[in-house]
Amino acid sequence: MWLDGFLRTQLKRLLTKQSHVALESKIPLLESRLQDIDEFGLYLHIPFCRQICPYCPYNKEIYHPEVAERYTNAVKKEIDIYSKLIGNKPVTSFYIGGGTPTTMLYSGLDKILRHIFESFNMQCDIHLESHPNDLTLDSLKAISSLGVGHLSIGVEALQDYHLKALHRPYSVKHVVRAVGRAVSNGFKCVNADFIFALPGQTYSEIEQAGHTLVEMGVDQVAAYPLFKFPYTKLGRSARESNHSISSIFKRRKMLGILERIFYAAGFERTSVWAFTRPGVPRYCSVTVPLYVGLGASGGSYLKDVFYLNTFNVREYIKALENGRMPIALSLDLTENMQMAGWLYWRIYETRFKRSDFQERFGKEFDRVYGKYMTLFSLLGFLKKDDGDEIVLSDNGTYWLHVLQDLFSIEYISQLWGTSKQEPWPEKVIL
């Protein structure tokens, strides 16, 4: 564990030039910052689930209709605040996550979306997370009627005993039928989330699951390993580290099996964990450079500031009912931190352009990060580096993300873990 901490400290100093990062309890000045952007992404958090899965790190609580109704009204008030500040600037990415957004399909989600489209200049499709048990024919029609073009389904596993271990309340037969209904519904992209490196999972099970995912006809697969966040039920009971040598190499071998299956089926890699059929607009979360987060635990990034809403649903509602912004923590970002964040997400997407960095920061990419690209090339981490575009190889994608995990997972655990326990923390030092 001491080695993990040492590497995290060195990476942080190398990339951000900071020995520590502190988020503080203050509401940043937003008007000038929002006026200084040309376009932005929008994230909406729905923090409700019908049950709590033991592995999930995200902010959620058990769904209650009366709380969902108050939450709907609170989110609409937050939308009104931003609408006045942002004006007619285009929204170019819109992602709805959770929790389980489809818990509110018939209890407020339609009202929130209608208010968003009335209040902002929406120039994009809706990307929506969903649960297999919420995908009846009638529910799929309702989802389509909301304007959702990209649908993600939390498949998670494709052996019944793994589903049971994850506390997923459906069988493999049920989830295959639910995915089939969604694929036939006419969405631009249907994504299946799949977790690998589960306790006791074998390589043959990974191979079987990979072929099943292809046969289901989904447009995209997001296949990611099980990470044990220390504040989750699974994380608290775990005895082995995510960063042990054996688990890191096991995950690489499992991902390699999935890579071979998806590439043979014609899929292309579109991020560290995502594989998409050619010509299909990919399903993606908010990896856009600038975004505003709505709802409890919604995070926002505006060039030189990152801020986070309170995680507590009732405190979020109370703040907006009293006319206050629900922002709990914020962090002013130095230029080095902004550049490091930009590079982090471009590595996650596995490809980027030097010219985009130049346009964003007014600096030559190679003057800032050229020596790292030289090292990546020598290590075989780059598949393409000709002129403007840089594309990571499969090995580069995996091993660089292992380094990112060292840098980020512990900090995410600390930030989210503290925010889940304290509605309004005074300070969180990372």
Protein backbone atom coordinates (compact mmCIF):
# COMPACT_ATOMS: atom_id res chain seq x y z
CA MET A 1 0.00 0.00 0.00
CA TRP A 2 2.91 2.38 0.71
CA LEU A 3 4.05 1.93 -2.91
CA ASP A 4 0.58 2.88 -4.19
CA GLY A 5 0.69 6.03 -2.08
CA PHE A 6 4.20 6.92 -3.22
CA LEU A 7 3.32 6.48 -6.90
CA ARG A 8 0.13 8.54 -6.51
CA THR A 9 2.07 11.37 -4.88
CA GLN A 10 4.73 11.35 -7.59
CA LEU A 11 2.17 11.26 -10.42
CA LYS A 12 0.25 14.12 -8.84
CA ARG A 13 3.36 16.28 -8.55
CA LEU A 14 4.47 15.35 -12.07
CA LEU A 15 1.17 16.21 -13.74
CA THR A 16 -0.33 18.97 -11.61
CA LYS A 17 2.78 20.46 -9.91
CA GLN A 18 0.80 20.30 -6.65
CA SER A 19 1.75 18.38 -3.48
CA HIS A 20 -1.92 18.18 -2.46
CA VAL A 21 -5.32 19.21 -3.75
CA ALA A 22 -8.02 20.59 -1.44
CA LEU A 23 -11.71 21.00 -2.26
CA GLU A 24 -13.32 23.56 0.00
CA SER A 25 -16.80 24.52 1.10
CA LYS A 26 -17.40 27.56 -1.07
CA ILE A 27 -19.63 28.49 -3.99
CA PRO A 28 -17.51 29.73 -6.91
CA LEU A 29 -18.34 32.81 -8.95
CA LEU A 30 -20.17 31.29 -11.91
CA GLU A 31 -21.57 34.15 -14.00
CA SER A 32 -18.31 35.22 -15.64
CA ARG A 33 -17.12 31.62 -16.03
CA LEU A 34 -20.33 30.54 -17.74
CA GLN A 35 -20.14 33.56 -20.03
CA ASP A 36 -16.59 32.56 -20.98
CA ILE A 37 -17.54 29.25 -22.62
CA ASP A 38 -18.86 28.69 -26.14
CA GLU A 39 -20.64 25.35 -25.57
CA PHE A 40 -20.92 22.77 -22.84
CA GLY A 41 -22.15 19.32 -21.85
CA LEU A 42 -24.96 18.60 -19.43
CA TYR A 43 -25.11 15.82 -16.84
CA LEU A 44 -28.25 14.93 -14.86
CA HIS A 45 -28.01 12.65 -11.84
CA ILE A 46 -30.97 10.52 -10.77
CA PRO A 47 -29.97 9.18 -7.34
CA PHE A 48 -32.65 6.51 -6.91
CA CYS A 49 -32.53 2.70 -7.11
CA ARG A 50 -34.99 -0.03 -6.19
CA GLN A 51 -32.18 -1.85 -4.41
CA ILE A 52 -28.57 -1.06 -3.53
CA CYS A 53 -25.97 -3.17 -5.37
CA PRO A 54 -22.96 -4.04 -3.16
CA TYR A 55 -20.32 -3.00 -5.73
CA CYS A 56 -21.74 0.31 -6.97
CA PRO A 57 -19.71 3.40 -5.96
CA TYR A 58 -22.18 6.02 -7.23
CA ASN A 59 -24.49 8.23 -5.21
CA LYS A 60 -27.88 6.56 -4.74
CA GLU A 61 -30.63 5.74 -2.27
CA ILE A 62 -33.80 3.63 -2.27
CA TYR A 63 -36.53 5.09 -4.49
CA HIS A 64 -39.59 6.65 -2.82
CA PRO A 65 -42.23 8.35 -5.03
CA GLU A 66 -42.78 11.29 -2.67
CA VAL A 67 -39.04 12.07 -2.54
CA ALA A 68 -38.81 11.74 -6.34
CA GLU A 69 -41.58 14.33 -6.71
CA ARG A 70 -39.73 16.85 -4.53
CA TYR A 71 -36.50 16.01 -6.33
CA THR A 72 -38.14 16.77 -9.68
CA ASN A 73 -39.16 20.24 -8.51
CA ALA A 74 -35.70 20.89 -7.02
CA VAL A 75 -33.90 19.96 -10.25
CA LYS A 76 -36.22 22.28 -12.18
CA LYS A 77 -35.19 25.11 -9.83
CA GLU A 78 -31.52 24.34 -10.44
CA ILE A 79 -32.18 24.38 -14.19
CA ASP A 80 -33.74 27.83 -13.84
CA ILE A 81 -30.61 29.15 -12.08
CA TYR A 82 -28.30 27.92 -14.83
CA SER A 83 -30.62 28.97 -17.64
CA LYS A 84 -30.39 32.61 -16.54
CA LEU A 85 -26.59 32.43 -16.33
CA ILE A 86 -25.93 30.48 -19.54
CA GLY A 87 -28.41 32.01 -21.92
CA ASN A 88 -28.48 30.52 -25.42
CA LYS A 89 -25.12 28.73 -25.43
CA PRO A 90 -25.49 25.32 -27.12
CA VAL A 91 -25.56 22.10 -25.12
CA THR A 92 -23.60 19.57 -27.20
CA SER A 93 -23.70 16.53 -24.89
CA PHE A 94 -26.44 15.32 -22.53
CA TYR A 95 -25.98 12.31 -20.25
CA ILE A 96 -28.39 11.00 -17.60
CA GLY A 97 -26.84 8.73 -14.99
CA GLY A 98 -27.49 7.42 -11.54
CA GLY A 99 -28.52 5.61 -9.52
CA THR A 100 -31.05 4.18 -11.91
CA PRO A 101 -32.61 6.93 -14.06
CA THR A 102 -35.45 4.68 -15.23
CA THR A 103 -36.82 4.53 -11.67
CA MET A 104 -38.23 8.00 -12.43
CA LEU A 105 -39.53 7.13 -15.89
CA TYR A 106 -43.13 7.59 -14.74
CA SER A 107 -42.52 9.90 -11.78
CA GLY A 108 -40.84 13.08 -12.92
CA LEU A 109 -38.17 12.32 -15.51
CA ASP A 110 -40.42 13.56 -18.31
CA LYS A 111 -41.04 16.84 -16.45
CA ILE A 112 -37.32 17.41 -15.89
CA LEU A 113 -36.48 16.73 -19.54
CA ARG A 114 -39.26 18.97 -20.80
CA HIS A 115 -37.95 21.77 -18.59
CA ILE A 116 -34.38 21.22 -19.82
CA PHE A 117 -35.41 21.46 -23.47
CA GLU A 118 -37.47 24.57 -22.74
CA SER A 119 -34.62 26.22 -20.82
CA PHE A 120 -31.44 25.36 -22.77
CA ASN A 121 -30.32 25.42 -26.38
CA MET A 122 -30.16 21.63 -26.77
CA GLN A 123 -28.10 20.56 -29.79
CA CYS A 124 -27.59 16.87 -28.99
CA ASP A 125 -29.18 13.51 -28.30
CA ILE A 126 -30.01 12.13 -24.86
CA HIS A 127 -27.83 9.35 -23.43
CA LEU A 128 -29.69 7.41 -20.71
CA GLU A 129 -28.68 4.65 -18.29
CA SER A 130 -31.29 1.95 -17.63
CA HIS A 131 -32.01 -1.25 -15.70
CA PRO A 132 -33.02 -4.48 -17.49
CA ASN A 133 -36.12 -4.81 -15.32
CA ASP A 134 -37.36 -1.43 -16.57
CA LEU A 135 -37.31 -2.34 -20.27
CA THR A 136 -40.77 -3.66 -21.04
CA LEU A 137 -42.22 -2.83 -24.46
CA ASP A 138 -44.33 -0.05 -22.93
CA SER A 139 -41.35 1.37 -21.01
CA LEU A 140 -39.18 1.36 -24.12
CA LYS A 141 -41.87 3.31 -25.97
CA ALA A 142 -41.96 5.80 -23.09
CA ILE A 143 -38.16 6.13 -23.14
CA SER A 144 -38.18 6.77 -26.89
CA SER A 145 -40.95 9.36 -26.50
CA LEU A 146 -38.67 11.35 -24.19
CA GLY A 147 -36.22 11.80 -27.06
CA VAL A 148 -33.63 9.29 -25.85
CA GLY A 149 -31.39 8.26 -28.75
CA HIS A 150 -28.68 6.36 -26.86
CA LEU A 151 -29.60 3.74 -24.25
CA SER A 152 -27.26 1.91 -21.88
CA ILE A 153 -28.35 -1.29 -20.12
CA GLY A 154 -26.70 -2.57 -16.95
CA VAL A 155 -26.24 -6.20 -17.99
CA GLU A 156 -23.23 -6.61 -15.63
CA ALA A 157 -22.84 -10.44 -15.90
CA LEU A 158 -23.97 -13.32 -18.09
CA GLN A 159 -23.86 -16.27 -15.73
CA ASP A 160 -26.71 -16.60 -13.24
CA TYR A 161 -24.51 -17.23 -10.19
CA HIS A 162 -22.44 -14.11 -10.93
CA LEU A 163 -25.66 -12.11 -11.22
CA LYS A 164 -26.74 -13.49 -7.86
CA ALA A 165 -23.37 -12.58 -6.29
CA LEU A 166 -23.80 -9.03 -7.60
CA HIS A 167 -27.38 -8.93 -6.20
CA ARG A 168 -28.80 -8.29 -9.67
CA PRO A 169 -32.52 -9.21 -9.56
CA TYR A 170 -32.84 -10.99 -12.91
CA SER A 171 -31.62 -14.07 -14.78
CA VAL A 172 -29.47 -14.33 -17.90
CA LYS A 173 -32.56 -15.32 -19.93
CA HIS A 174 -34.41 -12.24 -18.67
CA VAL A 175 -31.60 -9.80 -19.48
CA VAL A 176 -31.05 -11.27 -22.95
CA ARG A 177 -34.76 -10.76 -23.73
CA ALA A 178 -34.68 -7.19 -22.34
CA VAL A 179 -31.64 -6.31 -24.46
CA GLY A 180 -33.31 -7.86 -27.51
CA ARG A 181 -36.38 -5.63 -27.04
CA ALA A 182 -34.16 -2.55 -26.74
CA VAL A 183 -32.09 -3.45 -29.82
CA SER A 184 -35.32 -3.78 -31.84
CA ASN A 185 -36.67 -0.44 -30.65
CA GLY A 186 -34.77 1.82 -33.08
CA PHE A 187 -32.30 3.60 -30.78
CA LYS A 188 -29.24 5.10 -32.45
CA CYS A 189 -27.01 3.17 -30.05
CA VAL A 190 -27.74 0.46 -27.49
CA ASN A 191 -24.87 -0.09 -25.05
CA ALA A 192 -24.46 -3.05 -22.70
CA ASP A 193 -22.45 -2.57 -19.51
CA PHE A 194 -20.53 -5.71 -18.53
CA ILE A 195 -18.29 -6.26 -15.49
CA PHE A 196 -15.35 -8.65 -15.62
CA ALA A 197 -12.76 -9.85 -13.07
CA LEU A 198 -15.56 -10.90 -10.72
CA PRO A 199 -14.66 -13.14 -7.74
CA GLY A 200 -14.12 -16.65 -9.03
CA GLN A 201 -14.73 -15.72 -12.67
CA THR A 202 -12.90 -17.90 -15.19
CA TYR A 203 -11.41 -17.11 -18.58
CA SER A 204 -13.86 -19.49 -20.27
CA GLU A 205 -16.76 -17.60 -18.67
CA ILE A 206 -15.37 -14.35 -20.06
CA GLU A 207 -15.17 -15.91 -23.53
CA GLN A 208 -18.74 -17.22 -23.29
CA ALA A 209 -20.01 -13.81 -22.14
CA GLY A 210 -18.14 -11.99 -24.91
CA HIS A 211 -19.77 -14.13 -27.60
CA THR A 212 -23.20 -13.68 -25.99
CA LEU A 213 -22.78 -9.90 -25.97
CA VAL A 214 -22.02 -9.94 -29.70
CA GLU A 215 -24.93 -12.29 -30.43
CA MET A 216 -27.37 -10.01 -28.57
CA GLY A 217 -26.89 -7.43 -31.32
CA VAL A 218 -25.92 -4.44 -29.18
CA ASP A 219 -24.19 -1.52 -30.87
CA GLN A 220 -21.64 -1.04 -28.12
CA VAL A 221 -20.20 -2.88 -25.13
CA ALA A 222 -18.67 -1.13 -22.14
CA ALA A 223 -16.63 -3.90 -20.49
CA TYR A 224 -14.88 -2.79 -17.33
CA PRO A 225 -13.32 -4.61 -14.36
CA LEU A 226 -14.86 -4.80 -10.92
CA PHE A 227 -13.30 -2.08 -8.79
CA LYS A 228 -13.73 -2.40 -5.03
CA PHE A 229 -14.28 1.10 -3.70
CA PRO A 230 -13.63 1.00 0.07
CA TYR A 231 -16.92 2.67 1.04
CA THR A 232 -19.11 0.13 -0.82
CA LYS A 233 -20.36 -3.06 0.81
CA LEU A 234 -18.17 -5.18 -1.46
CA GLY A 235 -15.18 -2.92 -0.90
CA ARG A 236 -15.50 -3.12 2.89
CA SER A 237 -15.51 -6.92 2.78
CA ALA A 238 -12.70 -7.24 0.21
CA ARG A 239 -9.35 -8.52 1.39
CA GLU A 240 -7.23 -8.13 -1.75
CA SER A 241 -6.14 -4.89 -3.35
CA ASN A 242 -7.28 -3.85 -6.81
CA HIS A 243 -3.66 -2.96 -7.46
CA SER A 244 -2.07 -6.34 -6.62
CA ILE A 245 0.16 -7.63 -9.42
CA SER A 246 -1.91 -10.80 -9.90
CA SER A 247 -5.22 -8.94 -10.23
CA ILE A 248 -3.75 -6.40 -12.66
CA PHE A 249 -2.42 -9.10 -15.00
CA LYS A 250 -5.60 -11.17 -14.67
CA ARG A 251 -7.69 -8.18 -15.72
CA ARG A 252 -5.38 -7.63 -18.69
CA LYS A 253 -5.79 -11.23 -19.87
CA MET A 254 -9.57 -11.07 -19.48
CA LEU A 255 -9.75 -7.81 -21.37
CA GLY A 256 -7.56 -9.34 -24.08
CA ILE A 257 -10.10 -12.16 -24.53
CA LEU A 258 -12.89 -9.61 -24.96
CA GLU A 259 -10.78 -7.51 -27.35
CA ARG A 260 -10.24 -10.49 -29.65
CA ILE A 261 -13.95 -11.36 -29.67
CA PHE A 262 -15.14 -7.81 -30.31
CA TYR A 263 -12.55 -7.06 -32.99
CA ALA A 264 -13.42 -10.32 -34.78
CA ALA A 265 -17.06 -9.21 -34.76
CA GLY A 266 -16.12 -5.87 -36.37
CA PHE A 267 -16.24 -3.63 -33.29
CA GLU A 268 -13.80 -0.74 -32.87
CA ARG A 269 -12.32 0.47 -29.61
CA THR A 270 -13.77 3.89 -28.71
CA SER A 271 -12.51 4.29 -25.14
CA VAL A 272 -10.53 2.37 -22.54
CA TRP A 273 -13.46 0.03 -21.86
CA ALA A 274 -15.87 0.65 -24.78
CA PHE A 275 -16.14 -1.18 -28.13
CA THR A 276 -18.54 0.15 -30.78
CA ARG A 277 -19.78 -1.11 -34.13
CA PRO A 278 -18.44 0.97 -37.06
CA GLY A 279 -20.68 3.81 -38.18
CA VAL A 280 -22.67 3.85 -34.93
CA PRO A 281 -22.59 7.06 -32.86
CA ARG A 282 -21.12 5.87 -29.60
CA TYR A 283 -22.84 5.92 -26.25
CA CYS A 284 -20.71 7.98 -23.91
CA SER A 285 -20.72 9.72 -20.57
CA VAL A 286 -19.64 13.32 -20.14
CA THR A 287 -16.00 13.30 -21.25
CA VAL A 288 -16.53 16.61 -23.04
CA PRO A 289 -14.08 19.34 -21.99
CA LEU A 290 -16.66 21.49 -20.16
CA TYR A 291 -19.88 20.43 -18.47
CA VAL A 292 -22.51 21.34 -15.90
CA GLY A 293 -23.88 18.73 -13.49
CA LEU A 294 -27.47 18.84 -12.25
CA GLY A 295 -28.90 16.97 -9.28
CA ALA A 296 -27.54 15.59 -6.01
CA SER A 297 -23.79 14.83 -6.44
CA GLY A 298 -23.75 16.48 -9.87
CA GLY A 299 -20.21 17.62 -10.71
CA SER A 300 -19.36 20.57 -12.97
CA TYR A 301 -16.17 21.57 -14.78
CA LEU A 302 -15.77 25.09 -16.22
CA LYS A 303 -12.22 25.67 -17.49
CA ASP A 304 -10.62 26.79 -14.22
CA VAL A 305 -12.99 25.41 -11.59
CA PHE A 306 -14.47 22.07 -10.58
CA TYR A 307 -17.38 21.93 -8.15
CA LEU A 308 -19.66 19.32 -6.70
CA ASN A 309 -23.25 19.42 -5.44
CA THR A 310 -24.12 17.92 -2.08
CA PHE A 311 -24.62 14.15 -2.25
CA ASN A 312 -27.47 14.21 0.26
CA VAL A 313 -30.77 14.17 -1.63
CA ARG A 314 -32.81 15.86 1.08
CA GLU A 315 -30.18 18.55 1.66
CA TYR A 316 -30.04 19.13 -2.11
CA ILE A 317 -33.83 19.57 -2.18
CA LYS A 318 -33.83 21.79 0.90
CA ALA A 319 -31.15 24.10 -0.50
CA LEU A 320 -33.05 24.74 -3.73
CA GLU A 321 -36.38 25.10 -1.96
CA ASN A 322 -34.70 27.85 0.07
CA GLY A 323 -33.32 29.53 -3.06
CA ARG A 324 -29.69 28.45 -2.53
CA MET A 325 -27.26 26.74 -4.88
CA PRO A 326 -26.66 23.12 -3.74
CA ILE A 327 -22.88 23.33 -4.28
CA ALA A 328 -20.98 21.64 -1.42
CA LEU A 329 -17.34 21.72 -2.56
CA SER A 330 -15.27 23.50 -5.16
CA LEU A 331 -11.71 23.55 -6.42
CA ASP A 332 -9.95 26.31 -8.37
CA LEU A 333 -7.82 24.69 -11.06
CA THR A 334 -4.36 25.88 -11.99
CA GLU A 335 -3.39 25.69 -15.65
CA ASN A 336 -1.26 22.61 -14.97
CA MET A 337 -4.26 20.91 -13.35
CA GLN A 338 -6.45 21.84 -16.33
CA MET A 339 -3.92 20.41 -18.79
CA ALA A 340 -3.53 17.23 -16.74
CA GLY A 341 -7.30 16.80 -16.65
CA TRP A 342 -7.52 17.30 -20.40
CA LEU A 343 -4.83 14.66 -21.01
CA TYR A 344 -6.47 12.24 -18.53
CA TRP A 345 -9.75 12.18 -20.45
CA ARG A 346 -8.11 12.10 -23.86
CA ILE A 347 -6.13 9.02 -22.79
CA TYR A 348 -9.42 7.52 -21.59
CA GLU A 349 -10.85 8.05 -25.08
CA THR A 350 -7.65 6.39 -26.51
CA ARG A 351 -7.10 9.05 -29.20
CA PHE A 352 -6.63 12.79 -29.37
CA LYS A 353 -5.25 15.62 -31.49
CA ARG A 354 -2.38 17.93 -30.69
CA SER A 355 -4.30 20.77 -32.36
CA ASP A 356 -7.18 20.41 -29.86
CA PHE A 357 -4.71 20.95 -27.01
CA GLN A 358 -3.27 23.98 -28.81
CA GLU A 359 -6.74 25.44 -29.32
CA ARG A 360 -7.74 24.88 -25.69
CA PHE A 361 -4.56 26.07 -23.95
CA GLY A 362 -2.63 28.13 -26.54
CA LYS A 363 0.43 25.93 -26.05
CA GLU A 364 2.17 23.38 -28.25
CA PHE A 365 1.29 19.91 -27.02
CA ASP A 366 4.82 18.54 -27.55
CA ARG A 367 6.37 21.32 -25.49
CA VAL A 368 4.26 20.22 -22.52
CA TYR A 369 3.85 16.45 -22.99
CA GLY A 370 6.12 15.54 -25.90
CA LYS A 371 8.65 13.67 -23.73
CA TYR A 372 5.86 11.45 -22.38
CA MET A 373 4.72 10.61 -25.92
CA THR A 374 8.29 9.65 -26.79
CA LEU A 375 8.36 7.30 -23.81
CA PHE A 376 4.92 5.87 -24.69
CA SER A 377 6.14 5.20 -28.23
CA LEU A 378 9.25 3.38 -26.99
CA LEU A 379 7.08 1.22 -24.69
CA GLY A 380 4.76 0.29 -27.57
CA PHE A 381 1.85 2.23 -26.07
CA LEU A 382 1.09 4.16 -29.29
CA LYS A 383 -0.55 2.66 -32.39
CA LYS A 384 -0.43 5.89 -34.36
CA ASP A 385 1.48 9.14 -33.98
CA ASP A 386 1.63 10.91 -37.32
CA GLY A 387 1.47 14.64 -37.24
CA ASP A 388 -1.65 15.77 -35.44
CA GLU A 389 -3.35 12.60 -34.22
CA ILE A 390 -2.19 10.26 -31.45
CA VAL A 391 -3.86 6.85 -31.02
CA LEU A 392 -3.04 4.46 -28.18
CA SER A 393 -2.40 0.76 -28.76
CA ASP A 394 -4.42 -1.82 -26.82
CA ASN A 395 -1.52 -2.38 -24.41
CA GLY A 396 -1.00 1.35 -24.06
CA THR A 397 -4.68 1.85 -23.37
CA TYR A 398 -4.69 -0.73 -20.58
CA TRP A 399 -1.42 0.05 -18.84
CA LEU A 400 -1.88 3.82 -18.95
CA HIS A 401 -5.30 3.35 -17.41
CA VAL A 402 -3.72 1.26 -14.65
CA LEU A 403 -1.59 4.33 -13.90
CA GLN A 404 -4.69 6.52 -14.04
CA ASP A 405 -6.38 4.23 -11.54
CA LEU A 406 -3.45 4.60 -9.19
CA PHE A 407 -3.85 8.35 -9.47
CA SER A 408 -7.63 8.61 -9.32
CA ILE A 409 -9.48 5.76 -7.61
CA GLU A 410 -8.13 6.48 -4.14
CA TYR A 411 -8.96 10.18 -4.54
CA ILE A 412 -12.44 9.43 -5.89
CA SER A 413 -13.01 7.11 -2.93
CA GLN A 414 -11.93 9.80 -0.50
CA LEU A 415 -14.00 12.55 -2.14
CA TRP A 416 -17.14 10.51 -2.72
CA GLY A 417 -16.83 8.60 0.57
CA THR A 418 -16.59 11.84 2.54
CA SER A 419 -19.41 13.46 0.55
CA LYS A 420 -21.71 10.49 1.18
CA GLN A 421 -21.13 10.78 4.94
CA GLU A 422 -21.17 14.58 5.24
CA PRO A 423 -23.74 16.64 3.28
CA TRP A 424 -21.68 19.83 3.56
CA PRO A 425 -17.98 18.99 4.20
CA GLU A 426 -15.74 21.88 5.20
CA LYS A 427 -12.77 20.56 3.23
CA VAL A 428 -11.59 17.41 1.50
CA ILE A 429 -7.82 17.09 0.97
CA LEU A 430 -6.72 14.69 -1.77
